[in-house]
Amino acid sequence: MDNFEQSKIRYANLPDCKVLIANMGKNKNGFNVCKKCGGAEVDDGNGNSVYSFSQPYHDSQLCRHDGSVARAIYLGHEFLTDMFMLDISYGSSELVGNRGAEEKNILRAAVTTLHEALKKAVALELDIDYNEISGGWRPRIKRSGDSHVEMFFYDNLSSGAGYSSLIGSILDKVLDRARLILVECACSRSCRSCLDNYWNQRNHQLFDRYLGLQLLNYARFGQVPDDYSITAQQEYLLPLKNLYLKMQVRHLLLQLYSRLFLQYERSLKVQGTLRKPLS
């Protein structure tokens, strides 16, 4: 892999690579597939032998799926295409790592956001449709303990259209465009003006352009995110402080109303009567 300038980024063009696309179903439980008729359903992981799917075609004989269902099957296909690989040397001692659920969620949000910004930047720089390329990312830890984040992009067209193989030659422009995508928007995390679209809606809850920008600055310039200043911390905590004060006032009012109600009950005099209670 080639080094990109004096940064923590390395990259490589990988022509004619085999890409395997797999659908592992809900919670990675796979699918139940009938080997006779081809009918299929999502495996719920409960191990039930009762299947609700029907055969996918009309026939005089109805398939009952008796003893012919393969369980927990992953569906996928393999094709040949061009690929571009980008590797970020990630300092888990300086940034969040995999030490806890919270750190994992922050890292996942940052990498997912940056990958999406890079994908959009590639499409804009090459003047191609957003869906011409796809990709993903994965963490990688070497035996030495060094952490890396690997991002990959590939052409959706079988045998490759050559788009991914061009990314390395314009990587500086792609990184600059990705930075503009993350910086120029005025939204709080992400919106349709910067990152959100119909095809990436499953990641909308992960996108955070501030985290993506921090990762990009670290990868390209070695900048470690600064701690929030006292003023910034006070600004971010102000809504929580106001909410706490409102809850405190509400709690005090409830206590006051309770005391007044008890005093009112004690002050009441019960009027006696000789009338026999109704049975």
Foldseek 3Di string as FASTA:
>chain_A
DDDDDPFQKDKDKAAFDKDKDKDLAPPSFRWKAFPPQGWIDGDPPPPDPDDDTFRPDDDPDGDPSPVRIDGRDIDIDMFTWIKMKMKGFDDCVQAQDPPDPVSVLLVVLQVVQLLQLLLVLLCVVVVHDSQQKDWDKDWDADPVRTIMIMIMMIGPDGSYPCSNVCCVVCVVSSLVSSLCLLPVDPDQFDDPSRGDDDVCVVCPVSGGSVSNNQSSCCRGPVDRDDDDDPVRVCVVCVVVVVVVVVVVVVVVVVVVVVVVVVVVVVPDDDDDDPDDDDD
